[in-house]
N, C-alpha and C. Protein backbone atom coordinates (compact mmCIF):
# COMPACT_ATOMS: atom_id res chain seq x y z
N MET A 1 -50.14 118.41 -103.14
CA MET A 1 -50.02 119.85 -102.94
C MET A 1 -50.50 120.20 -101.53
N LEU A 2 -49.71 121.00 -100.86
CA LEU A 2 -50.07 121.41 -99.51
C LEU A 2 -51.02 122.59 -99.53
N LYS A 3 -51.77 122.71 -98.46
CA LYS A 3 -52.67 123.86 -98.29
C LYS A 3 -52.00 124.89 -97.41
N SER A 4 -52.55 126.08 -97.39
CA SER A 4 -52.04 127.12 -96.50
C SER A 4 -52.16 126.64 -95.06
N PRO A 5 -51.15 126.92 -94.24
CA PRO A 5 -51.16 126.45 -92.86
C PRO A 5 -52.02 127.32 -91.95
N GLN A 6 -52.40 126.76 -90.83
CA GLN A 6 -53.07 127.53 -89.78
C GLN A 6 -52.01 128.37 -89.06
N PRO A 7 -52.39 129.51 -88.52
CA PRO A 7 -51.41 130.38 -87.84
C PRO A 7 -50.62 129.67 -86.75
N ASP A 8 -51.28 128.85 -85.95
CA ASP A 8 -50.56 128.16 -84.87
C ASP A 8 -49.57 127.13 -85.41
N GLN A 9 -49.86 126.57 -86.57
CA GLN A 9 -48.95 125.62 -87.21
C GLN A 9 -47.66 126.33 -87.63
N VAL A 10 -47.80 127.54 -88.14
CA VAL A 10 -46.64 128.34 -88.54
C VAL A 10 -45.77 128.63 -87.31
N LYS A 11 -46.40 129.10 -86.27
CA LYS A 11 -45.67 129.50 -85.06
C LYS A 11 -45.01 128.31 -84.37
N VAL A 12 -45.75 127.23 -84.19
CA VAL A 12 -45.22 126.05 -83.51
C VAL A 12 -44.04 125.46 -84.28
N THR A 13 -44.16 125.38 -85.60
CA THR A 13 -43.07 124.84 -86.41
C THR A 13 -41.82 125.70 -86.27
N ARG A 14 -41.99 127.00 -86.39
CA ARG A 14 -40.85 127.91 -86.27
C ARG A 14 -40.19 127.79 -84.90
N GLN A 15 -40.99 127.85 -83.85
CA GLN A 15 -40.45 127.80 -82.49
C GLN A 15 -39.77 126.46 -82.19
N ALA A 16 -40.33 125.37 -82.69
CA ALA A 16 -39.76 124.05 -82.44
C ALA A 16 -38.34 123.93 -82.99
N LEU A 17 -38.07 124.68 -84.05
CA LEU A 17 -36.75 124.63 -84.67
C LEU A 17 -35.83 125.74 -84.18
N GLY A 18 -36.36 126.61 -83.33
CA GLY A 18 -35.53 127.65 -82.74
C GLY A 18 -35.26 128.85 -83.61
N PHE A 19 -36.09 129.07 -84.62
CA PHE A 19 -35.91 130.23 -85.50
C PHE A 19 -36.69 131.42 -84.97
N THR A 20 -36.15 132.61 -85.19
CA THR A 20 -36.90 133.83 -84.89
C THR A 20 -37.86 134.09 -86.05
N GLN A 21 -38.80 134.99 -85.81
CA GLN A 21 -39.70 135.38 -86.90
C GLN A 21 -38.90 136.00 -88.04
N LYS A 22 -37.90 136.81 -87.73
CA LYS A 22 -37.09 137.48 -88.76
C LYS A 22 -36.31 136.45 -89.58
N GLU A 23 -35.71 135.48 -88.92
CA GLU A 23 -34.97 134.44 -89.64
C GLU A 23 -35.90 133.66 -90.58
N SER A 24 -37.08 133.35 -90.09
CA SER A 24 -38.04 132.60 -90.90
C SER A 24 -38.51 133.42 -92.10
N ALA A 25 -38.81 134.69 -91.86
CA ALA A 25 -39.24 135.57 -92.95
C ALA A 25 -38.15 135.69 -94.01
N ASP A 26 -36.92 135.85 -93.57
CA ASP A 26 -35.80 135.95 -94.51
C ASP A 26 -35.66 134.69 -95.36
N MET A 27 -35.90 133.53 -94.77
CA MET A 27 -35.79 132.26 -95.51
C MET A 27 -36.73 132.21 -96.70
N VAL A 28 -37.90 132.82 -96.56
CA VAL A 28 -38.89 132.76 -97.64
C VAL A 28 -39.01 134.08 -98.40
N HIS A 29 -38.07 134.98 -98.14
CA HIS A 29 -37.98 136.26 -98.88
C HIS A 29 -39.20 137.16 -98.69
N TYR A 30 -39.69 137.19 -97.44
CA TYR A 30 -40.79 138.08 -97.08
C TYR A 30 -40.35 138.95 -95.92
N SER A 31 -41.14 139.97 -95.64
CA SER A 31 -40.81 140.89 -94.54
C SER A 31 -41.17 140.27 -93.19
N LEU A 32 -40.53 140.79 -92.17
CA LEU A 32 -40.86 140.39 -90.80
C LEU A 32 -42.33 140.64 -90.53
N ARG A 33 -42.83 141.78 -90.98
CA ARG A 33 -44.24 142.13 -90.74
C ARG A 33 -45.18 141.10 -91.36
N ALA A 34 -44.87 140.63 -92.57
CA ALA A 34 -45.70 139.61 -93.20
C ALA A 34 -45.73 138.35 -92.34
N TRP A 35 -44.56 137.95 -91.84
CA TRP A 35 -44.51 136.75 -90.99
C TRP A 35 -45.34 136.94 -89.73
N GLN A 36 -45.22 138.11 -89.13
CA GLN A 36 -46.00 138.40 -87.92
C GLN A 36 -47.50 138.31 -88.19
N LEU A 37 -47.93 138.82 -89.33
CA LEU A 37 -49.35 138.77 -89.69
C LEU A 37 -49.81 137.33 -89.91
N TRP A 38 -48.97 136.50 -90.50
CA TRP A 38 -49.32 135.10 -90.70
C TRP A 38 -49.48 134.38 -89.37
N GLU A 39 -48.54 134.61 -88.46
CA GLU A 39 -48.63 133.94 -87.16
C GLU A 39 -49.80 134.45 -86.33
N ALA A 40 -50.15 135.70 -86.50
CA ALA A 40 -51.27 136.28 -85.74
C ALA A 40 -52.62 135.89 -86.32
N GLY A 41 -52.62 135.35 -87.53
CA GLY A 41 -53.88 134.98 -88.17
C GLY A 41 -54.56 136.14 -88.87
N ASP A 42 -53.84 137.26 -89.01
CA ASP A 42 -54.41 138.42 -89.69
C ASP A 42 -54.32 138.31 -91.21
N ARG A 43 -53.44 137.45 -91.68
CA ARG A 43 -53.30 137.15 -93.10
C ARG A 43 -53.05 135.66 -93.24
N THR A 44 -53.43 135.11 -94.38
CA THR A 44 -53.18 133.69 -94.65
C THR A 44 -51.85 133.55 -95.38
N MET A 45 -51.00 132.68 -94.87
CA MET A 45 -49.73 132.42 -95.55
C MET A 45 -50.03 131.68 -96.85
N PRO A 46 -49.51 132.15 -97.98
CA PRO A 46 -49.72 131.43 -99.23
C PRO A 46 -49.13 130.01 -99.15
N ALA A 47 -49.82 129.07 -99.75
CA ALA A 47 -49.37 127.68 -99.71
C ALA A 47 -47.96 127.52 -100.25
N GLY A 48 -47.62 128.25 -101.29
CA GLY A 48 -46.28 128.16 -101.87
C GLY A 48 -45.20 128.63 -100.92
N VAL A 49 -45.50 129.63 -100.13
CA VAL A 49 -44.55 130.13 -99.13
C VAL A 49 -44.36 129.07 -98.04
N TRP A 50 -45.44 128.47 -97.61
CA TRP A 50 -45.36 127.40 -96.61
C TRP A 50 -44.52 126.24 -97.14
N GLU A 51 -44.75 125.86 -98.40
CA GLU A 51 -43.96 124.78 -98.99
C GLU A 51 -42.48 125.14 -99.04
N LEU A 52 -42.16 126.37 -99.44
CA LEU A 52 -40.77 126.81 -99.48
C LEU A 52 -40.14 126.73 -98.09
N PHE A 53 -40.85 127.21 -97.09
CA PHE A 53 -40.35 127.15 -95.72
C PHE A 53 -40.07 125.71 -95.31
N LEU A 54 -41.02 124.82 -95.57
CA LEU A 54 -40.85 123.41 -95.21
C LEU A 54 -39.67 122.77 -95.94
N ILE A 55 -39.47 123.12 -97.20
CA ILE A 55 -38.33 122.60 -97.95
C ILE A 55 -37.03 123.08 -97.32
N LYS A 56 -36.97 124.37 -97.03
CA LYS A 56 -35.73 124.94 -96.49
C LYS A 56 -35.38 124.41 -95.10
N ILE A 57 -36.39 124.06 -94.31
CA ILE A 57 -36.11 123.52 -92.97
C ILE A 57 -36.05 121.99 -92.97
N GLY A 58 -36.24 121.39 -94.14
CA GLY A 58 -36.12 119.95 -94.26
C GLY A 58 -37.31 119.15 -93.79
N LEU A 59 -38.49 119.78 -93.76
CA LEU A 59 -39.68 119.08 -93.27
C LEU A 59 -40.79 118.92 -94.30
N HIS A 60 -40.51 119.23 -95.56
CA HIS A 60 -41.54 119.05 -96.59
C HIS A 60 -41.81 117.55 -96.74
N PRO A 61 -43.08 117.15 -96.81
CA PRO A 61 -43.39 115.72 -96.84
C PRO A 61 -42.85 114.98 -98.07
N ILE A 62 -42.55 115.69 -99.15
CA ILE A 62 -42.02 115.03 -100.34
C ILE A 62 -40.56 115.40 -100.59
N TYR A 63 -40.25 116.68 -100.50
CA TYR A 63 -38.94 117.18 -100.93
C TYR A 63 -37.93 117.44 -99.83
N GLY A 64 -38.30 117.28 -98.60
CA GLY A 64 -37.35 117.70 -97.59
C GLY A 64 -37.33 116.88 -96.33
N ALA A 65 -37.44 115.59 -96.42
CA ALA A 65 -37.45 114.78 -95.20
C ALA A 65 -36.13 114.90 -94.46
N ARG A 66 -36.22 115.24 -93.19
CA ARG A 66 -35.01 115.32 -92.34
C ARG A 66 -34.55 113.91 -92.02
N SER A 67 -33.25 113.77 -92.03
CA SER A 67 -32.71 112.44 -91.67
C SER A 67 -32.22 112.43 -90.25
């Protein structure tokens, strides 16, 4: 089970794949504002949301290895 990510981990992962904050928020069914708060460190991203994001981008350590 993954833990909630650090804010910089959220931002670096998103930017490395070329996604906007809005695109990333839409992927996990949250608002743009929620994503902004997670990246700013004003709120903690729930671990389940982080896992969903990693699955959808193909980087989850168990369910989404990129080939």
